[in-house]
mmCIF file of all heavy atoms, coordinates in Angstrom:
data_MODEL
# 
_entry.id   MODEL 
# 
loop_
_atom_site.group_PDB 
_atom_site.id 
_atom_site.type_symbol 
_atom_site.label_atom_id 
_atom_site.label_alt_id 
_atom_site.label_comp_id 
_atom_site.label_asym_id 
_atom_site.label_entity_id 
_atom_site.label_seq_id 
_atom_site.pdbx_PDB_ins_code 
_atom_site.Cartn_x 
_atom_site.Cartn_y 
_atom_site.Cartn_z 
_atom_site.occupancy 
_atom_site.B_iso_or_equiv 
_atom_site.pdbx_formal_charge 
_atom_site.auth_seq_id 
_atom_site.auth_comp_id 
_atom_site.auth_asym_id 
_atom_site.auth_atom_id 
_atom_site.pdbx_PDB_model_num 
ATOM 1   N N   . VAL A 1 1  ? 112.393 69.460 39.469 1.00 0.00 ? 1  VAL A N   1 
ATOM 2   C CA  . VAL A 1 1  ? 113.764 69.985 39.615 1.00 0.00 ? 1  VAL A CA  1 
ATOM 3   C C   . VAL A 1 1  ? 113.810 71.481 39.942 1.00 0.00 ? 1  VAL A C   1 
ATOM 4   O O   . VAL A 1 1  ? 114.360 72.289 39.188 1.00 0.00 ? 1  VAL A O   1 
ATOM 5   C CB  . VAL A 1 1  ? 114.649 69.645 38.392 1.00 0.00 ? 1  VAL A CB  1 
ATOM 6   C CG1 . VAL A 1 1  ? 114.972 68.185 38.375 1.00 0.00 ? 1  VAL A CG1 1 
ATOM 7   C CG2 . VAL A 1 1  ? 114.035 70.039 37.045 1.00 0.00 ? 1  VAL A CG2 1 
ATOM 8   N N   . PRO A 1 2  ? 113.275 71.885 41.098 1.00 0.00 ? 2  PRO A N   1 
ATOM 9   C CA  . PRO A 1 2  ? 113.366 73.283 41.507 1.00 0.00 ? 2  PRO A CA  1 
ATOM 10  C C   . PRO A 1 2  ? 114.675 73.572 42.245 1.00 0.00 ? 2  PRO A C   1 
ATOM 11  O O   . PRO A 1 2  ? 115.261 72.701 42.889 1.00 0.00 ? 2  PRO A O   1 
ATOM 12  C CB  . PRO A 1 2  ? 112.173 73.429 42.456 1.00 0.00 ? 2  PRO A CB  1 
ATOM 13  C CG  . PRO A 1 2  ? 112.058 72.070 43.088 1.00 0.00 ? 2  PRO A CG  1 
ATOM 14  C CD  . PRO A 1 2  ? 112.466 71.072 42.023 1.00 0.00 ? 2  PRO A CD  1 
ATOM 15  N N   . MET A 1 3  ? 115.110 74.799 42.168 1.00 0.00 ? 3  MET A N   1 
ATOM 16  C CA  . MET A 1 3  ? 116.250 75.288 42.947 1.00 0.00 ? 3  MET A CA  1 
ATOM 17  C C   . MET A 1 3  ? 115.782 75.650 44.350 1.00 0.00 ? 3  MET A C   1 
ATOM 18  O O   . MET A 1 3  ? 114.643 76.053 44.546 1.00 0.00 ? 3  MET A O   1 
ATOM 19  C CB  . MET A 1 3  ? 116.830 76.520 42.250 1.00 0.00 ? 3  MET A CB  1 
ATOM 20  C CG  . MET A 1 3  ? 117.933 77.246 42.997 1.00 0.00 ? 3  MET A CG  1 
ATOM 21  S SD  . MET A 1 3  ? 118.538 78.673 42.039 1.00 0.00 ? 3  MET A SD  1 
ATOM 22  C CE  . MET A 1 3  ? 117.138 79.802 42.163 1.00 0.00 ? 3  MET A CE  1 
ATOM 23  N N   . ALA A 1 4  ? 116.686 75.529 45.324 1.00 0.00 ? 4  ALA A N   1 
ATOM 24  C CA  . ALA A 1 4  ? 116.381 75.958 46.685 1.00 0.00 ? 4  ALA A CA  1 
ATOM 25  C C   . ALA A 1 4  ? 117.195 77.195 47.060 1.00 0.00 ? 4  ALA A C   1 
ATOM 26  O O   . ALA A 1 4  ? 116.652 78.258 47.320 1.00 0.00 ? 4  ALA A O   1 
ATOM 27  C CB  . ALA A 1 4  ? 116.631 74.831 47.678 1.00 0.00 ? 4  ALA A CB  1 
ATOM 28  N N   . ASP A 1 5  ? 118.513 77.059 47.075 1.00 0.00 ? 5  ASP A N   1 
ATOM 29  C CA  . ASP A 1 5  ? 119.423 78.122 47.505 1.00 0.00 ? 5  ASP A CA  1 
ATOM 30  C C   . ASP A 1 5  ? 120.250 78.540 46.297 1.00 0.00 ? 5  ASP A C   1 
ATOM 31  O O   . ASP A 1 5  ? 121.154 77.815 45.869 1.00 0.00 ? 5  ASP A O   1 
ATOM 32  C CB  . ASP A 1 5  ? 120.319 77.597 48.626 1.00 0.00 ? 5  ASP A CB  1 
ATOM 33  C CG  . ASP A 1 5  ? 121.195 78.667 49.253 1.00 0.00 ? 5  ASP A CG  1 
ATOM 34  O OD1 . ASP A 1 5  ? 121.649 79.576 48.532 1.00 0.00 ? 5  ASP A OD1 1 
ATOM 35  O OD2 . ASP A 1 5  ? 121.461 78.577 50.464 1.00 0.00 ? 5  ASP A OD2 1 
ATOM 36  N N   . ALA A 1 6  ? 119.954 79.716 45.737 1.00 0.00 ? 6  ALA A N   1 
ATOM 37  C CA  . ALA A 1 6  ? 120.619 80.139 44.502 1.00 0.00 ? 6  ALA A CA  1 
ATOM 38  C C   . ALA A 1 6  ? 122.130 80.160 44.666 1.00 0.00 ? 6  ALA A C   1 
ATOM 39  O O   . ALA A 1 6  ? 122.867 79.707 43.790 1.00 0.00 ? 6  ALA A O   1 
ATOM 40  C CB  . ALA A 1 6  ? 120.110 81.520 44.083 1.00 0.00 ? 6  ALA A CB  1 
ATOM 41  N N   . TYR A 1 7  ? 122.597 80.669 45.782 1.00 0.00 ? 7  TYR A N   1 
ATOM 42  C CA  . TYR A 1 7  ? 124.048 80.798 45.972 1.00 0.00 ? 7  TYR A CA  1 
ATOM 43  C C   . TYR A 1 7  ? 124.705 79.432 46.121 1.00 0.00 ? 7  TYR A C   1 
ATOM 44  O O   . TYR A 1 7  ? 125.633 79.099 45.384 1.00 0.00 ? 7  TYR A O   1 
ATOM 45  C CB  . TYR A 1 7  ? 124.334 81.663 47.205 1.00 0.00 ? 7  TYR A CB  1 
ATOM 46  C CG  . TYR A 1 7  ? 125.791 82.083 47.322 1.00 0.00 ? 7  TYR A CG  1 
ATOM 47  C CD1 . TYR A 1 7  ? 126.196 83.346 46.887 1.00 0.00 ? 7  TYR A CD1 1 
ATOM 48  C CD2 . TYR A 1 7  ? 126.752 81.229 47.852 1.00 0.00 ? 7  TYR A CD2 1 
ATOM 49  C CE1 . TYR A 1 7  ? 127.531 83.735 46.971 1.00 0.00 ? 7  TYR A CE1 1 
ATOM 50  C CE2 . TYR A 1 7  ? 128.076 81.603 47.937 1.00 0.00 ? 7  TYR A CE2 1 
ATOM 51  C CZ  . TYR A 1 7  ? 128.463 82.857 47.497 1.00 0.00 ? 7  TYR A CZ  1 
ATOM 52  O OH  . TYR A 1 7  ? 129.785 83.231 47.576 1.00 0.00 ? 7  TYR A OH  1 
ATOM 53  N N   . ARG A 1 8  ? 124.223 78.611 47.048 1.00 0.00 ? 8  ARG A N   1 
ATOM 54  C CA  . ARG A 1 8  ? 124.917 77.366 47.375 1.00 0.00 ? 8  ARG A CA  1 
ATOM 55  C C   . ARG A 1 8  ? 124.598 76.220 46.417 1.00 0.00 ? 8  ARG A C   1 
ATOM 56  O O   . ARG A 1 8  ? 125.436 75.359 46.187 1.00 0.00 ? 8  ARG A O   1 
ATOM 57  C CB  . ARG A 1 8  ? 124.574 76.960 48.813 1.00 0.00 ? 8  ARG A CB  1 
ATOM 58  C CG  . ARG A 1 8  ? 125.197 77.879 49.834 1.00 0.00 ? 8  ARG A CG  1 
ATOM 59  C CD  . ARG A 1 8  ? 124.542 77.788 51.214 1.00 0.00 ? 8  ARG A CD  1 
ATOM 60  N NE  . ARG A 1 8  ? 125.131 78.777 52.101 1.00 0.00 ? 8  ARG A NE  1 
ATOM 61  C CZ  . ARG A 1 8  ? 124.813 80.075 52.077 1.00 0.00 ? 8  ARG A CZ  1 
ATOM 62  N NH1 . ARG A 1 8  ? 123.878 80.506 51.229 1.00 0.00 ? 8  ARG A NH1 1 
ATOM 63  N NH2 . ARG A 1 8  ? 125.397 80.923 52.886 1.00 0.00 ? 8  ARG A NH2 1 
ATOM 64  N N   . ASP A 1 9  ? 123.392 76.205 45.889 1.00 0.00 ? 9  ASP A N   1 
ATOM 65  C CA  . ASP A 1 9  ? 123.002 75.111 44.990 1.00 0.00 ? 9  ASP A CA  1 
ATOM 66  C C   . ASP A 1 9  ? 123.720 75.176 43.659 1.00 0.00 ? 9  ASP A C   1 
ATOM 67  O O   . ASP A 1 9  ? 124.098 74.160 43.085 1.00 0.00 ? 9  ASP A O   1 
ATOM 68  C CB  . ASP A 1 9  ? 121.494 75.149 44.709 1.00 0.00 ? 9  ASP A CB  1 
ATOM 69  C CG  . ASP A 1 9  ? 120.665 74.652 45.873 1.00 0.00 ? 9  ASP A CG  1 
ATOM 70  O OD1 . ASP A 1 9  ? 121.241 74.356 46.935 1.00 0.00 ? 9  ASP A OD1 1 
ATOM 71  O OD2 . ASP A 1 9  ? 119.441 74.562 45.717 1.00 0.00 ? 9  ASP A OD2 1 
ATOM 72  N N   . ILE A 1 10 ? 123.870 76.393 43.130 1.00 0.00 ? 10 ILE A N   1 
ATOM 73  C CA  . ILE A 1 10 ? 124.199 76.475 41.707 1.00 0.00 ? 10 ILE A CA  1 
ATOM 74  C C   . ILE A 1 10 ? 125.162 77.599 41.352 1.00 0.00 ? 10 ILE A C   1 
ATOM 75  O O   . ILE A 1 10 ? 126.148 77.376 40.667 1.00 0.00 ? 10 ILE A O   1 
ATOM 76  C CB  . ILE A 1 10 ? 122.886 76.603 40.873 1.00 0.00 ? 10 ILE A CB  1 
ATOM 77  C CG1 . ILE A 1 10 ? 123.155 76.674 39.370 1.00 0.00 ? 10 ILE A CG1 1 
ATOM 78  C CG2 . ILE A 1 10 ? 122.070 77.798 41.298 1.00 0.00 ? 10 ILE A CG2 1 
ATOM 79  C CD1 . ILE A 1 10 ? 123.610 75.384 38.776 1.00 0.00 ? 10 ILE A CD1 1 
ATOM 80  N N   . VAL A 1 11 ? 124.926 78.824 41.806 1.00 0.00 ? 11 VAL A N   1 
ATOM 81  C CA  . VAL A 1 11 ? 125.688 79.957 41.287 1.00 0.00 ? 11 VAL A CA  1 
ATOM 82  C C   . VAL A 1 11 ? 127.100 80.004 41.850 1.00 0.00 ? 11 VAL A C   1 
ATOM 83  O O   . VAL A 1 11 ? 128.065 80.262 41.136 1.00 0.00 ? 11 VAL A O   1 
ATOM 84  C CB  . VAL A 1 11 ? 124.959 81.288 41.573 1.00 0.00 ? 11 VAL A CB  1 
ATOM 85  C CG1 . VAL A 1 11 ? 125.730 82.455 40.961 1.00 0.00 ? 11 VAL A CG1 1 
ATOM 86  C CG2 . VAL A 1 11 ? 123.552 81.260 41.008 1.00 0.00 ? 11 VAL A CG2 1 
ATOM 87  N N   . PHE A 1 12 ? 127.249 79.738 43.149 1.00 0.00 ? 12 PHE A N   1 
ATOM 88  C CA  . PHE A 1 12 ? 128.548 79.860 43.811 1.00 0.00 ? 12 PHE A CA  1 
ATOM 89  C C   . PHE A 1 12 ? 128.840 78.653 44.689 1.00 0.00 ? 12 PHE A C   1 
ATOM 90  O O   . PHE A 1 12 ? 129.150 78.789 45.870 1.00 0.00 ? 12 PHE A O   1 
ATOM 91  C CB  . PHE A 1 12 ? 128.593 81.119 44.678 1.00 0.00 ? 12 PHE A CB  1 
ATOM 92  C CG  . PHE A 1 12 ? 128.892 82.377 43.928 1.00 0.00 ? 12 PHE A CG  1 
ATOM 93  C CD1 . PHE A 1 12 ? 127.877 83.228 43.551 1.00 0.00 ? 12 PHE A CD1 1 
ATOM 94  C CD2 . PHE A 1 12 ? 130.195 82.711 43.589 1.00 0.00 ? 12 PHE A CD2 1 
ATOM 95  C CE1 . PHE A 1 12 ? 128.139 84.396 42.853 1.00 0.00 ? 12 PHE A CE1 1 
ATOM 96  C CE2 . PHE A 1 12 ? 130.474 83.872 42.894 1.00 0.00 ? 12 PHE A CE2 1 
ATOM 97  C CZ  . PHE A 1 12 ? 129.441 84.724 42.525 1.00 0.00 ? 12 PHE A CZ  1 
ATOM 98  N N   . THR A 1 13 ? 128.785 77.470 44.168 1.00 0.00 ? 13 THR A N   1 
ATOM 99  C CA  . THR A 1 13 ? 129.092 76.284 44.951 1.00 0.00 ? 13 THR A CA  1 
ATOM 100 C C   . THR A 1 13 ? 130.485 76.405 45.556 1.00 0.00 ? 13 THR A C   1 
ATOM 101 O O   . THR A 1 13 ? 131.465 76.621 44.836 1.00 0.00 ? 13 THR A O   1 
ATOM 102 C CB  . THR A 1 13 ? 129.025 75.016 44.085 1.00 0.00 ? 13 THR A CB  1 
ATOM 103 O OG1 . THR A 1 13 ? 127.733 74.941 43.480 1.00 0.00 ? 13 THR A OG1 1 
ATOM 104 C CG2 . THR A 1 13 ? 129.256 73.776 44.920 1.00 0.00 ? 13 THR A CG2 1 
ATOM 105 N N   . GLY A 1 14 ? 130.567 76.270 46.864 1.00 0.00 ? 14 GLY A N   1 
ATOM 106 C CA  . GLY A 1 14 ? 131.862 76.355 47.535 1.00 0.00 ? 14 GLY A CA  1 
ATOM 107 C C   . GLY A 1 14 ? 132.509 77.716 47.453 1.00 0.00 ? 14 GLY A C   1 
ATOM 108 O O   . GLY A 1 14 ? 133.704 77.860 47.711 1.00 0.00 ? 14 GLY A O   1 
ATOM 109 N N   . GLY A 1 15 ? 131.731 78.752 47.076 1.00 0.00 ? 15 GLY A N   1 
ATOM 110 C CA  . GLY A 1 15 ? 132.288 80.088 46.925 1.00 0.00 ? 15 GLY A CA  1 
ATOM 111 C C   . GLY A 1 15 ? 132.896 80.343 45.570 1.00 0.00 ? 15 GLY A C   1 
ATOM 112 O O   . GLY A 1 15 ? 133.615 81.331 45.387 1.00 0.00 ? 15 GLY A O   1 
ATOM 113 N N   . GLN A 1 16 ? 132.597 79.478 44.570 1.00 0.00 ? 16 GLN A N   1 
ATOM 114 C CA  . GLN A 1 16 ? 133.180 79.621 43.241 1.00 0.00 ? 16 GLN A CA  1 
ATOM 115 C C   . GLN A 1 16 ? 132.083 79.759 42.182 1.00 0.00 ? 16 GLN A C   1 
ATOM 116 O O   . GLN A 1 16 ? 131.026 79.135 42.285 1.00 0.00 ? 16 GLN A O   1 
ATOM 117 C CB  . GLN A 1 16 ? 134.069 78.420 42.925 1.00 0.00 ? 16 GLN A CB  1 
ATOM 118 C CG  . GLN A 1 16 ? 135.214 78.268 43.923 1.00 0.00 ? 16 GLN A CG  1 
ATOM 119 C CD  . GLN A 1 16 ? 136.223 77.240 43.509 1.00 0.00 ? 16 GLN A CD  1 
ATOM 120 O OE1 . GLN A 1 16 ? 136.304 76.866 42.339 1.00 0.00 ? 16 GLN A OE1 1 
ATOM 121 N NE2 . GLN A 1 16 ? 137.007 76.761 44.460 1.00 0.00 ? 16 GLN A NE2 1 
ATOM 122 N N   . VAL A 1 17 ? 132.360 80.563 41.167 1.00 0.00 ? 17 VAL A N   1 
ATOM 123 C CA  . VAL A 1 17 ? 131.371 80.844 40.121 1.00 0.00 ? 17 VAL A CA  1 
ATOM 124 C C   . VAL A 1 17 ? 131.165 79.609 39.256 1.00 0.00 ? 17 VAL A C   1 
ATOM 125 O O   . VAL A 1 17 ? 132.130 78.992 38.788 1.00 0.00 ? 17 VAL A O   1 
ATOM 126 C CB  . VAL A 1 17 ? 131.830 82.008 39.233 1.00 0.00 ? 17 VAL A CB  1 
ATOM 127 C CG1 . VAL A 1 17 ? 130.746 82.335 38.195 1.00 0.00 ? 17 VAL A CG1 1 
ATOM 128 C CG2 . VAL A 1 17 ? 132.151 83.230 40.065 1.00 0.00 ? 17 VAL A CG2 1 
ATOM 129 N N   . ASN A 1 18 ? 129.911 79.243 39.039 1.00 0.00 ? 18 ASN A N   1 
ATOM 130 C CA  . ASN A 1 18 ? 129.590 78.125 38.150 1.00 0.00 ? 18 ASN A CA  1 
ATOM 131 C C   . ASN A 1 18 ? 129.657 78.630 36.711 1.00 0.00 ? 18 ASN A C   1 
ATOM 132 O O   . ASN A 1 18 ? 128.686 79.166 36.179 1.00 0.00 ? 18 ASN A O   1 
ATOM 133 C CB  . ASN A 1 18 ? 128.200 77.578 38.473 1.00 0.00 ? 18 ASN A CB  1 
ATOM 134 C CG  . ASN A 1 18 ? 127.885 76.304 37.729 1.00 0.00 ? 18 ASN A CG  1 
ATOM 135 O OD1 . ASN A 1 18 ? 128.281 76.125 36.590 1.00 0.00 ? 18 ASN A OD1 1 
ATOM 136 N ND2 . ASN A 1 18 ? 127.160 75.415 38.378 1.00 0.00 ? 18 ASN A ND2 1 
ATOM 137 N N   . VAL A 1 19 ? 130.806 78.443 36.080 1.00 0.00 ? 19 VAL A N   1 
ATOM 138 C CA  . VAL A 1 19 ? 130.982 78.938 34.716 1.00 0.00 ? 19 VAL A CA  1 
ATOM 139 C C   . VAL A 1 19 ? 130.485 77.938 33.679 1.00 0.00 ? 19 VAL A C   1 
ATOM 140 O O   . VAL A 1 19 ? 130.524 78.208 32.479 1.00 0.00 ? 19 VAL A O   1 
ATOM 141 C CB  . VAL A 1 19 ? 132.460 79.291 34.438 1.00 0.00 ? 19 VAL A CB  1 
ATOM 142 C CG1 . VAL A 1 19 ? 132.897 80.446 35.312 1.00 0.00 ? 19 VAL A CG1 1 
ATOM 143 C CG2 . VAL A 1 19 ? 133.366 78.084 34.658 1.00 0.00 ? 19 VAL A CG2 1 
ATOM 144 N N   . GLY A 1 20 ? 130.013 76.772 34.143 1.00 0.00 ? 20 GLY A N   1 
ATOM 145 C CA  . GLY A 1 20 ? 129.427 75.812 33.220 1.00 0.00 ? 20 GLY A CA  1 
ATOM 146 C C   . GLY A 1 20 ? 127.979 76.128 32.920 1.00 0.00 ? 20 GLY A C   1 
ATOM 147 O O   . GLY A 1 20 ? 127.575 76.217 31.757 1.00 0.00 ? 20 GLY A O   1 
ATOM 148 N N   . PHE A 1 21 ? 127.175 76.355 33.964 1.00 0.00 ? 21 PHE A N   1 
ATOM 149 C CA  . PHE A 1 21 ? 125.738 76.488 33.773 1.00 0.00 ? 21 PHE A CA  1 
ATOM 150 C C   . PHE A 1 21 ? 125.259 77.929 33.622 1.00 0.00 ? 21 PHE A C   1 
ATOM 151 O O   . PHE A 1 21 ? 124.403 78.216 32.783 1.00 0.00 ? 21 PHE A O   1 
ATOM 152 C CB  . PHE A 1 21 ? 124.990 75.833 34.932 1.00 0.00 ? 21 PHE A CB  1 
ATOM 153 C CG  . PHE A 1 21 ? 123.502 75.999 34.838 1.00 0.00 ? 21 PHE A CG  1 
ATOM 154 C CD1 . PHE A 1 21 ? 122.781 75.301 33.878 1.00 0.00 ? 21 PHE A CD1 1 
ATOM 155 C CD2 . PHE A 1 21 ? 122.816 76.867 35.679 1.00 0.00 ? 21 PHE A CD2 1 
ATOM 156 C CE1 . PHE A 1 21 ? 121.404 75.466 33.762 1.00 0.00 ? 21 PHE A CE1 1 
ATOM 157 C CE2 . PHE A 1 21 ? 121.444 77.031 35.576 1.00 0.00 ? 21 PHE A CE2 1 
ATOM 158 C CZ  . PHE A 1 21 ? 120.743 76.329 34.619 1.00 0.00 ? 21 PHE A CZ  1 
ATOM 159 N N   . ILE A 1 22 ? 125.790 78.847 34.428 1.00 0.00 ? 22 ILE A N   1 
ATOM 160 C CA  . ILE A 1 22 ? 125.203 80.188 34.487 1.00 0.00 ? 22 ILE A CA  1 
ATOM 161 C C   . ILE A 1 22 ? 125.257 80.918 33.141 1.00 0.00 ? 22 ILE A C   1 
ATOM 162 O O   . ILE A 1 22 ? 124.237 81.452 32.685 1.00 0.00 ? 22 ILE A O   1 
ATOM 163 C CB  . ILE A 1 22 ? 125.866 81.026 35.601 1.00 0.00 ? 22 ILE A CB  1 
ATOM 164 C CG1 . ILE A 1 22 ? 125.610 80.365 36.973 1.00 0.00 ? 22 ILE A CG1 1 
ATOM 165 C CG2 . ILE A 1 22 ? 125.328 82.448 35.596 1.00 0.00 ? 22 ILE A CG2 1 
ATOM 166 C CD1 . ILE A 1 22 ? 124.140 80.159 37.290 1.00 0.00 ? 22 ILE A CD1 1 
ATOM 167 N N   . PRO A 1 23 ? 126.387 80.962 32.427 1.00 0.00 ? 23 PRO A N   1 
ATOM 168 C CA  . PRO A 1 23 ? 126.354 81.616 31.108 1.00 0.00 ? 23 PRO A CA  1 
ATOM 169 C C   . PRO A 1 23 ? 125.400 80.922 30.137 1.00 0.00 ? 23 PRO A C   1 
ATOM 170 O O   . PRO A 1 23 ? 124.722 81.589 29.346 1.00 0.00 ? 23 PRO A O   1 
ATOM 171 C CB  . PRO A 1 23 ? 127.811 81.507 30.631 1.00 0.00 ? 23 PRO A CB  1 
ATOM 172 C CG  . PRO A 1 23 ? 128.611 81.334 31.875 1.00 0.00 ? 23 PRO A CG  1 
ATOM 173 C CD  . PRO A 1 23 ? 127.751 80.530 32.793 1.00 0.00 ? 23 PRO A CD  1 
ATOM 174 N N   . LEU A 1 24 ? 125.347 79.580 30.190 1.00 0.00 ? 24 LEU A N   1 
ATOM 175 C CA  . LEU A 1 24 ? 124.423 78.832 29.337 1.00 0.00 ? 24 LEU A CA  1 
ATOM 176 C C   . LEU A 1 24 ? 122.986 79.228 29.631 1.00 0.00 ? 24 LEU A C   1 
ATOM 177 O O   . LEU A 1 24 ? 122.178 79.440 28.718 1.00 0.00 ? 24 LEU A O   1 
ATOM 178 C CB  . LEU A 1 24 ? 124.630 77.332 29.567 1.00 0.00 ? 24 LEU A CB  1 
ATOM 179 C CG  . LEU A 1 24 ? 123.691 76.370 28.832 1.00 0.00 ? 24 LEU A CG  1 
ATOM 180 C CD1 . LEU A 1 24 ? 123.958 76.403 27.340 1.00 0.00 ? 24 LEU A CD1 1 
ATOM 181 C CD2 . LEU A 1 24 ? 123.873 74.943 29.373 1.00 0.00 ? 24 LEU A CD2 1 
ATOM 182 N N   . TRP A 1 25 ? 122.652 79.355 30.905 1.00 0.00 ? 25 TRP A N   1 
ATOM 183 C CA  . TRP A 1 25 ? 121.286 79.679 31.314 1.00 0.00 ? 25 TRP A CA  1 
ATOM 184 C C   . TRP A 1 25 ? 120.896 81.098 30.906 1.00 0.00 ? 25 TRP A C   1 
ATOM 185 O O   . TRP A 1 25 ? 119.833 81.327 30.314 1.00 0.00 ? 25 TRP A O   1 
ATOM 186 C CB  . TRP A 1 25 ? 121.166 79.504 32.823 1.00 0.00 ? 25 TRP A CB  1 
ATOM 187 C CG  . TRP A 1 25 ? 119.802 79.751 33.372 1.00 0.00 ? 25 TRP A CG  1 
ATOM 188 C CD1 . TRP A 1 25 ? 118.627 79.192 32.956 1.00 0.00 ? 25 TRP A CD1 1 
ATOM 189 C CD2 . TRP A 1 25 ? 119.466 80.615 34.467 1.00 0.00 ? 25 TRP A CD2 1 
ATOM 190 N NE1 . TRP A 1 25 ? 117.579 79.651 33.727 1.00 0.00 ? 25 TRP A NE1 1 
ATOM 191 C CE2 . TRP A 1 25 ? 118.073 80.522 34.653 1.00 0.00 ? 25 TRP A CE2 1 
ATOM 192 C CE3 . TRP A 1 25 ? 120.210 81.435 35.303 1.00 0.00 ? 25 TRP A CE3 1 
ATOM 193 C CZ2 . TRP A 1 25 ? 117.406 81.240 35.647 1.00 0.00 ? 25 TRP A CZ2 1 
ATOM 194 C CZ3 . TRP A 1 25 ? 119.553 82.145 36.297 1.00 0.00 ? 25 TRP A CZ3 1 
ATOM 195 C CH2 . TRP A 1 25 ? 118.166 82.044 36.458 1.00 0.00 ? 25 TRP A CH2 1 
# 
């Protein structure tokens, strides 16, 4: 389960902040 694109995969999907995972991480 590696990440590829930090922005599009997880941090800013669709241009929006992932407030579910990023603070948890």
